[in-house]
């Protein structure tokens, strides 16, 4: 595939390992008390650039919204597999202006931490051939 892209479009395709800024969603000492395990069989989910609300949803839906709203990769390291109810809001103008600090503060209400880290990851680098 890489050879076809290179020949057709005059690009070079190469895999590299790079250190990338990401966010990690983690539990803390208050998680089990603060997170509401869902008892409602109906699942609902609503999200915008500055809020996430759910009924009977796994934390993966929250992780996805945090990733979209922060414009960064978010890894879920909570190891929680139950479904939960949550409703958090933070100040953010729109998706183009992420407020990671606001998200982090809002998540504390759920007993969760959002931690910025660097992860070494393999990426595909595409460049114009000379």
C-alpha atoms as a PDB file:
ATOM      1  CA  UNK A   1       0.000   0.000   0.000  1.00  0.00           C
ATOM      2  CA  UNK A   2       2.793   2.382   0.945  1.00  0.00           C
ATOM      3  CA  UNK A   3       4.495   1.788  -2.414  1.00  0.00           C
ATOM      4  CA  UNK A   4       1.255   2.519  -4.297  1.00  0.00           C
ATOM      5  CA  UNK A   5       0.762   5.787  -2.368  1.00  0.00           C
ATOM      6  CA  UNK A   6       4.362   6.798  -3.008  1.00  0.00           C
ATOM      7  CA  UNK A   7       4.189   6.068  -6.738  1.00  0.00           C
ATOM      8  CA  UNK A   8       0.713   7.525  -7.312  1.00  0.00           C
ATOM      9  CA  UNK A   9       0.909  10.705  -5.268  1.00  0.00           C
ATOM     10  CA  UNK A  10       4.654  11.384  -5.030  1.00  0.00           C
ATOM     11  CA  UNK A  11       4.681  10.884  -1.275  1.00  0.00           C
ATOM     12  CA  UNK A  12       6.905   8.936   1.092  1.00  0.00           C
ATOM     13  CA  UNK A  13       5.322   6.807   3.805  1.00  0.00           C
ATOM     14  CA  UNK A  14       7.359   5.764   6.825  1.00  0.00           C
ATOM     15  CA  UNK A  15       6.654   4.384  10.313  1.00  0.00           C
ATOM     16  CA  UNK A  16       8.347   6.160  13.215  1.00  0.00           C
ATOM     17  CA  UNK A  17       8.192   5.972  16.989  1.00  0.00           C
ATOM     18  CA  UNK A  18       7.471   9.347  18.569  1.00  0.00           C
ATOM     19  CA  UNK A  19       6.705  10.680  22.026  1.00  0.00           C
ATOM     20  CA  UNK A  20       3.155  12.048  21.894  1.00  0.00           C
ATOM     21  CA  UNK A  21       1.243  14.136  24.444  1.00  0.00           C
ATOM     22  CA  UNK A  22      -1.841  12.173  25.526  1.00  0.00           C
ATOM     23  CA  UNK A  23      -4.321  12.136  28.404  1.00  0.00           C
ATOM     24  CA  UNK A  24      -4.922   9.178  30.706  1.00  0.00           C
ATOM     25  CA  UNK A  25      -8.233   8.673  32.519  1.00  0.00           C
ATOM     26  CA  UNK A  26      -7.589   7.092  35.944  1.00  0.00           C
ATOM     27  CA  UNK A  27      -9.451   6.249  39.115  1.00  0.00           C
ATOM     28  CA  UNK A  28      -8.519   7.741  42.466  1.00  0.00           C
ATOM     29  CA  UNK A  29      -9.389   7.096  46.111  1.00  0.00           C
ATOM     30  CA  UNK A  30     -12.883   8.612  45.725  1.00  0.00           C
ATOM     31  CA  UNK A  31     -13.896   6.862  42.468  1.00  0.00           C
ATOM     32  CA  UNK A  32     -16.048   4.112  43.914  1.00  0.00           C
ATOM     33  CA  UNK A  33     -17.951   6.568  46.114  1.00  0.00           C
ATOM     34  CA  UNK A  34     -18.329   9.306  43.486  1.00  0.00           C
ATOM     35  CA  UNK A  35     -19.265   7.239  40.416  1.00  0.00           C
ATOM     36  CA  UNK A  36     -22.931   6.265  40.315  1.00  0.00           C
ATOM     37  CA  UNK A  37     -23.323   2.696  39.139  1.00  0.00           C
ATOM     38  CA  UNK A  38     -26.391   2.690  36.940  1.00  0.00           C
ATOM     39  CA  UNK A  39     -29.568   0.910  37.985  1.00  0.00           C
ATOM     40  CA  UNK A  40     -31.537   2.266  35.041  1.00  0.00           C
ATOM     41  CA  UNK A  41     -31.931  -0.232  32.162  1.00  0.00           C
ATOM     42  CA  UNK A  42     -32.386   2.540  29.581  1.00  0.00           C
ATOM     43  CA  UNK A  43     -29.188   3.951  28.183  1.00  0.00           C
ATOM     44  CA  UNK A  44     -28.912   7.592  27.158  1.00  0.00           C
ATOM     45  CA  UNK A  45     -25.967   9.712  26.158  1.00  0.00           C
ATOM     46  CA  UNK A  46     -25.584  13.388  25.308  1.00  0.00           C
ATOM     47  CA  UNK A  47     -22.416  15.377  24.748  1.00  0.00           C
ATOM     48  CA  UNK A  48     -21.248  18.738  23.511  1.00  0.00           C
ATOM     49  CA  UNK A  49     -17.861  20.463  23.566  1.00  0.00           C
ATOM     50  CA  UNK A  50     -18.338  21.399  27.220  1.00  0.00           C
ATOM     51  CA  UNK A  51     -20.356  18.581  28.779  1.00  0.00           C
ATOM     52  CA  UNK A  52     -21.012  14.867  28.900  1.00  0.00           C
ATOM     53  CA  UNK A  53     -24.124  13.279  30.393  1.00  0.00           C
ATOM     54  CA  UNK A  54     -25.041   9.611  30.349  1.00  0.00           C
ATOM     55  CA  UNK A  55     -27.345   7.031  31.872  1.00  0.00           C
ATOM     56  CA  UNK A  56     -26.326   3.383  31.950  1.00  0.00           C
ATOM     57  CA  UNK A  57     -23.170   3.802  29.853  1.00  0.00           C
ATOM     58  CA  UNK A  58     -19.631   2.419  30.121  1.00  0.00           C
ATOM     59  CA  UNK A  59     -16.790   4.851  30.753  1.00  0.00           C
ATOM     60  CA  UNK A  60     -15.666   4.305  27.169  1.00  0.00           C
ATOM     61  CA  UNK A  61     -18.334   6.787  26.014  1.00  0.00           C
ATOM     62  CA  UNK A  62     -16.912   9.368  28.427  1.00  0.00           C
ATOM     63  CA  UNK A  63     -13.392   8.636  27.189  1.00  0.00           C
ATOM     64  CA  UNK A  64     -14.524   9.184  23.595  1.00  0.00           C
ATOM     65  CA  UNK A  65     -16.108  12.549  24.422  1.00  0.00           C
ATOM     66  CA  UNK A  66     -13.012  13.678  26.322  1.00  0.00           C
ATOM     67  CA  UNK A  67     -10.914  12.738  23.307  1.00  0.00           C
ATOM     68  CA  UNK A  68     -13.131  14.721  20.926  1.00  0.00           C
ATOM     69  CA  UNK A  69     -13.369  17.740  23.232  1.00  0.00           C
ATOM     70  CA  UNK A  70      -9.653  17.837  24.058  1.00  0.00           C
ATOM     71  CA  UNK A  71      -8.395  17.065  20.538  1.00  0.00           C
ATOM     72  CA  UNK A  72      -5.957  14.632  22.181  1.00  0.00           C
ATOM     73  CA  UNK A  73      -5.745  10.870  22.484  1.00  0.00           C
ATOM     74  CA  UNK A  74      -7.307   9.701  25.762  1.00  0.00           C
ATOM     75  CA  UNK A  75      -6.494   6.303  27.247  1.00  0.00           C
ATOM     76  CA  UNK A  76      -8.862   4.699  29.758  1.00  0.00           C
ATOM     77  CA  UNK A  77      -6.787   3.156  32.547  1.00  0.00           C
ATOM     78  CA  UNK A  78      -9.642   2.982  35.055  1.00  0.00           C
ATOM     79  CA  UNK A  79     -10.151  -0.786  34.586  1.00  0.00           C
ATOM     80  CA  UNK A  80     -13.846  -0.206  35.357  1.00  0.00           C
ATOM     81  CA  UNK A  81     -16.261  -2.267  33.288  1.00  0.00           C
ATOM     82  CA  UNK A  82     -19.643  -1.432  34.850  1.00  0.00           C
ATOM     83  CA  UNK A  83     -22.171   1.011  33.424  1.00  0.00           C
ATOM     84  CA  UNK A  84     -22.535   4.371  35.155  1.00  0.00           C
ATOM     85  CA  UNK A  85     -24.677   7.514  35.282  1.00  0.00           C
ATOM     86  CA  UNK A  86     -22.788  10.801  35.048  1.00  0.00           C
ATOM     87  CA  UNK A  87     -23.354  14.438  34.201  1.00  0.00           C
ATOM     88  CA  UNK A  88     -20.398  16.817  34.045  1.00  0.00           C
ATOM     89  CA  UNK A  89     -19.872  20.277  32.551  1.00  0.00           C
ATOM     90  CA  UNK A  90     -16.848  22.488  32.098  1.00  0.00           C
ATOM     91  CA  UNK A  91     -16.202  25.874  30.529  1.00  0.00           C
ATOM     92  CA  UNK A  92     -15.121  25.600  26.908  1.00  0.00           C
ATOM     93  CA  UNK A  93     -15.882  27.887  23.970  1.00  0.00           C
ATOM     94  CA  UNK A  94     -16.074  25.133  21.326  1.00  0.00           C
ATOM     95  CA  UNK A  95     -14.208  22.096  19.987  1.00  0.00           C
ATOM     96  CA  UNK A  96     -11.498  24.330  18.496  1.00  0.00           C
ATOM     97  CA  UNK A  97     -10.597  25.700  21.942  1.00  0.00           C
ATOM     98  CA  UNK A  98     -10.061  22.739  24.317  1.00  0.00           C
ATOM     99  CA  UNK A  99     -10.085  23.322  28.066  1.00  0.00           C
ATOM    100  CA  UNK A 100      -8.287  20.294  29.473  1.00  0.00           C
ATOM    101  CA  UNK A 101      -7.937  21.937  32.885  1.00  0.00           C
ATOM    102  CA  UNK A 102     -11.713  22.443  33.001  1.00  0.00           C
ATOM    103  CA  UNK A 103     -12.340  18.827  31.997  1.00  0.00           C
ATOM    104  CA  UNK A 104      -9.900  17.632  34.641  1.00  0.00           C
ATOM    105  CA  UNK A 105     -11.686  19.636  37.328  1.00  0.00           C
ATOM    106  CA  UNK A 106     -15.133  18.402  36.211  1.00  0.00           C
ATOM    107  CA  UNK A 107     -13.957  14.779  36.298  1.00  0.00           C
ATOM    108  CA  UNK A 108     -12.959  15.128  39.963  1.00  0.00           C
ATOM    109  CA  UNK A 109     -16.695  15.213  40.762  1.00  0.00           C
ATOM    110  CA  UNK A 110     -16.816  11.647  39.401  1.00  0.00           C
ATOM    111  CA  UNK A 111     -13.745  10.582  41.353  1.00  0.00           C
ATOM    112  CA  UNK A 112     -11.674  10.401  38.189  1.00  0.00           C
ATOM    113  CA  UNK A 113      -8.368  11.960  37.215  1.00  0.00           C
ATOM    114  CA  UNK A 114      -7.308  13.097  33.747  1.00  0.00           C
ATOM    115  CA  UNK A 115      -3.530  13.028  33.664  1.00  0.00           C
ATOM    116  CA  UNK A 116      -1.361  14.458  30.853  1.00  0.00           C
ATOM    117  CA  UNK A 117       1.522  12.125  29.931  1.00  0.00           C
ATOM    118  CA  UNK A 118       3.881  11.447  27.047  1.00  0.00           C
ATOM    119  CA  UNK A 119       3.556   8.016  25.429  1.00  0.00           C
ATOM    120  CA  UNK A 120       5.945   6.517  22.966  1.00  0.00           C
ATOM    121  CA  UNK A 121       3.808   5.466  19.983  1.00  0.00           C
ATOM    122  CA  UNK A 122       4.314   4.243  16.463  1.00  0.00           C
ATOM    123  CA  UNK A 123       2.953   6.688  13.889  1.00  0.00           C
ATOM    124  CA  UNK A 124       2.789   6.764  10.106  1.00  0.00           C
ATOM    125  CA  UNK A 125       4.569   9.790   8.658  1.00  0.00           C
ATOM    126  CA  UNK A 126       3.591  10.904   5.143  1.00  0.00           C
ATOM    127  CA  UNK A 127       5.778  13.449   3.361  1.00  0.00           C
ATOM    128  CA  UNK A 128       6.015  14.890  -0.109  1.00  0.00           C
ATOM    129  CA  UNK A 129       8.779  13.125  -2.035  1.00  0.00           C
ATOM    130  CA  UNK A 130      11.574  15.279  -3.448  1.00  0.00           C
END
